[in-house]
Protein backbone atom coordinates (compact mmCIF):
# COMPACT_ATOMS: atom_id res chain seq x y z
CA MET A 1 108.25 82.52 75.63
CA SER A 2 106.33 83.49 78.79
CA PHE A 3 104.50 86.83 78.97
CA LYS A 4 106.55 87.86 81.87
CA THR A 5 109.66 87.50 80.04
CA ILE A 6 108.06 89.48 76.93
CA ALA A 7 106.74 92.01 79.25
CA ALA A 8 110.22 92.51 81.20
CA ALA A 9 112.17 92.64 77.81
CA THR A 10 109.78 95.32 76.62
CA LEU A 11 110.19 97.38 79.56
CA ALA A 12 113.95 97.06 79.39
CA ALA A 13 114.09 98.08 75.97
CA SER A 14 111.89 100.84 76.73
CA ALA A 15 114.03 102.03 79.67
CA LEU A 16 117.11 101.74 77.65
CA THR A 17 115.66 103.81 74.82
CA ALA A 18 114.81 106.67 77.34
CA CYS A 19 118.21 106.60 78.68
CA ALA A 20 119.66 106.64 75.39
CA GLY A 21 117.83 109.66 74.33
CA GLY A 22 119.52 111.65 76.92
CA ALA A 23 116.62 114.25 77.07
CA GLY A 24 114.52 114.65 80.07
CA SER A 25 114.83 116.67 83.15
CA ALA A 26 116.57 115.52 86.43
CA GLU A 27 112.77 114.37 87.62
CA ASP A 28 112.46 111.96 84.86
CA ARG A 29 115.86 110.40 85.68
CA ALA A 30 115.23 110.14 89.39
CA PRO A 31 115.42 106.65 90.93
CA ILE A 32 112.57 104.64 91.51
CA ARG A 33 111.90 104.41 95.06
CA ALA A 34 110.09 101.36 96.62
CA LEU A 35 108.99 100.48 100.23
CA LEU A 36 108.67 97.26 102.18
CA SER A 37 105.95 97.55 104.94
CA ALA A 38 106.83 95.98 108.39
CA ASP A 39 104.50 93.07 107.66
CA ALA A 40 106.29 92.42 104.49
CA LEU A 41 109.60 92.19 106.04
CA MET A 42 108.18 89.83 108.55
CA PHE A 43 106.82 87.73 105.94
CA VAL A 44 109.99 87.82 104.13
CA ALA A 45 111.83 86.37 107.08
CA PHE A 46 109.36 83.35 106.87
CA ASP A 47 111.19 81.92 103.88
CA ALA A 48 112.57 78.73 105.46
CA ASP A 49 114.22 77.07 102.37
CA GLY A 50 115.59 80.26 100.90
CA ASP A 51 114.04 79.96 97.50
CA LEU A 52 112.91 83.76 97.58
CA SER A 53 109.15 82.73 97.75
CA VAL A 54 107.06 82.33 100.76
CA THR A 55 104.62 79.61 100.50
CA SER A 56 101.46 79.39 102.36
CA ALA A 57 102.93 76.40 104.50
CA GLU A 58 106.05 78.56 105.39
CA SER A 59 103.83 81.33 106.19
CA GLN A 60 101.56 79.23 108.67
CA ALA A 61 104.73 78.08 110.30
CA GLY A 62 106.19 81.43 110.35
CA ILE A 63 102.75 82.81 112.02
CA ALA A 64 102.74 79.85 114.83
CA ARG A 65 106.53 81.01 115.83
CA GLU A 66 105.79 84.66 115.91
CA PHE A 67 102.56 84.01 118.27
CA THR A 68 104.97 82.03 120.39
CA ARG A 69 107.22 84.66 120.47
CA ALA A 70 104.77 87.33 121.20
CA ASP A 71 103.04 85.16 124.06
CA ALA A 72 105.74 85.93 126.58
CA ASN A 73 103.93 84.40 129.65
CA ALA A 74 102.58 81.37 127.26
CA ASP A 75 98.91 81.79 128.36
CA GLY A 76 97.66 81.39 124.56
CA SER A 77 96.76 85.04 124.21
CA LEU A 78 98.56 88.53 123.75
CA GLN A 79 97.88 91.51 126.42
CA PRO A 80 98.64 94.75 124.86
CA ILE A 81 101.99 94.96 126.53
CA GLU A 82 103.03 91.60 124.74
CA PHE A 83 101.66 92.71 121.57
CA SER A 84 103.51 96.10 122.09
CA ASN A 85 107.25 94.42 122.87
CA TRP A 86 106.79 91.93 119.87
CA SER A 87 105.78 94.74 117.46
CA ASN A 88 108.76 96.60 118.63
CA LEU A 89 111.08 93.53 117.92
CA VAL A 90 109.54 92.16 114.77
CA LEU A 91 107.99 95.05 113.21
CA GLY A 92 110.32 97.73 114.00
CA GLY A 93 107.93 99.80 116.48
CA SER A 94 104.47 100.00 117.58
CA GLN A 95 103.73 102.84 115.62
CA ILE A 96 104.57 101.55 112.19
CA GLY A 97 101.83 98.73 111.96
CA PRO A 98 100.10 96.36 111.53
CA TYR A 99 98.82 97.89 114.65
CA ARG A 100 97.12 96.02 118.17
CA LEU A 101 93.52 96.85 116.98
CA ASP A 102 94.06 95.32 113.28
CA PHE A 103 94.50 92.09 115.33
CA ASP A 104 92.03 92.68 118.27
CA ARG A 105 89.04 93.35 116.39
CA ASN A 106 86.44 92.69 119.13
CA VAL A 107 88.52 95.31 121.10
CA ASP A 108 88.68 93.27 124.32
CA ASN A 109 92.24 94.02 124.99
CA VAL A 110 93.02 90.51 124.51
CA ILE A 111 94.62 89.08 121.01
CA THR A 112 93.57 85.51 120.76
CA ARG A 113 95.73 82.82 118.72
CA GLU A 114 92.89 82.81 116.11
CA GLU A 115 92.72 86.72 115.95
CA PHE A 116 96.56 86.76 115.36
CA ASP A 117 96.42 83.80 113.00
CA SER A 118 93.45 85.22 111.11
CA GLU A 119 94.97 89.06 110.68
CA LEU A 120 98.18 87.65 109.27
CA ARG A 121 96.47 85.04 107.00
CA ALA A 122 94.36 87.94 105.34
CA ARG A 123 97.50 90.03 105.12
CA PHE A 124 99.25 87.02 103.39
CA GLU A 125 96.24 86.90 101.06
CA THR A 126 96.38 90.63 100.41
CA TYR A 127 100.08 90.20 99.29
CA ASP A 128 99.28 87.05 97.22
CA THR A 129 98.06 89.54 94.09
CA ASP A 130 98.71 86.44 91.46
CA GLU A 131 96.40 83.89 94.01
CA ASN A 132 99.04 81.36 93.54
CA GLY A 133 99.24 80.62 97.32
CA ALA A 134 102.95 81.88 97.45
CA LEU A 135 104.58 85.27 97.70
CA SER A 136 107.25 86.46 95.48
CA ARG A 137 109.58 89.45 96.22
CA GLN A 138 107.77 91.40 93.68
CA GLU A 139 104.30 90.96 95.20
CA PHE A 140 105.97 92.65 98.41
CA VAL A 141 107.27 95.69 96.89
CA ARG A 142 105.32 98.85 96.15
CA LEU A 143 106.64 102.05 94.70
CA VAL A 144 106.57 105.12 96.81
CA GLY A 145 102.94 106.71 96.71
CA GLN A 146 101.53 103.51 94.83
CA ALA A 147 98.33 101.92 96.34
CA ARG A 148 97.65 98.08 96.47
CA PRO A 149 95.83 96.92 93.51
CA GLN A 150 92.48 96.49 94.25
CA ARG A 151 91.51 92.65 94.13
CA PRO A 152 88.04 91.54 92.49
CA GLU A 153 85.47 90.64 95.00
CA ARG A 154 85.46 86.78 95.78
CA GLN A 155 82.11 85.02 95.25
CA ARG A 156 81.03 83.95 98.60
CA ALA A 157 78.02 81.52 99.51
CA PRO A 158 75.23 83.32 101.01
CA GLN A 159 75.39 83.29 104.86
CA ILE A 160 72.12 81.62 106.38
CA GLY A 161 71.79 81.17 109.92
CA GLY A 162 75.40 82.47 110.52
CA ARG A 163 76.87 79.52 108.33
CA PRO A 164 78.11 79.77 104.83
CA GLY A 165 75.43 78.24 102.22
CA GLY A 166 72.95 76.77 104.82
């Protein structure tokens, strides 16, 4: 039996025991609330094969589709109005995030394809808490008020002359 199965069974048994006890305040019995962020909802839509998991390949294909959707004039970059229109359509509003400056790190009022891809790939990696290269539904859900778990720092090669490792 896998660790996840044992953990799930233990949690379920604990929950049933707590419910059976009947004691506790209404606050103790309040429903658990969870939120999905706008970018998580976008990533969920990248699940092309319907297996309830978003692979890295599905994510890359989805990111490419979203850039094409956002680049209304097909010039290979996003102007602020293009990003705002895309954000309203795909993310549900420009005040929800991710925000334009999350993508436009050099603040030149142009989001290149590279900047767009880089930001969304970084978000994919942030959601991929088990680092298996795919996003499960559980990795998208956060309890209300719960922060994202911190990830350990990855070892990186020292940069010499602007290039990793030499």
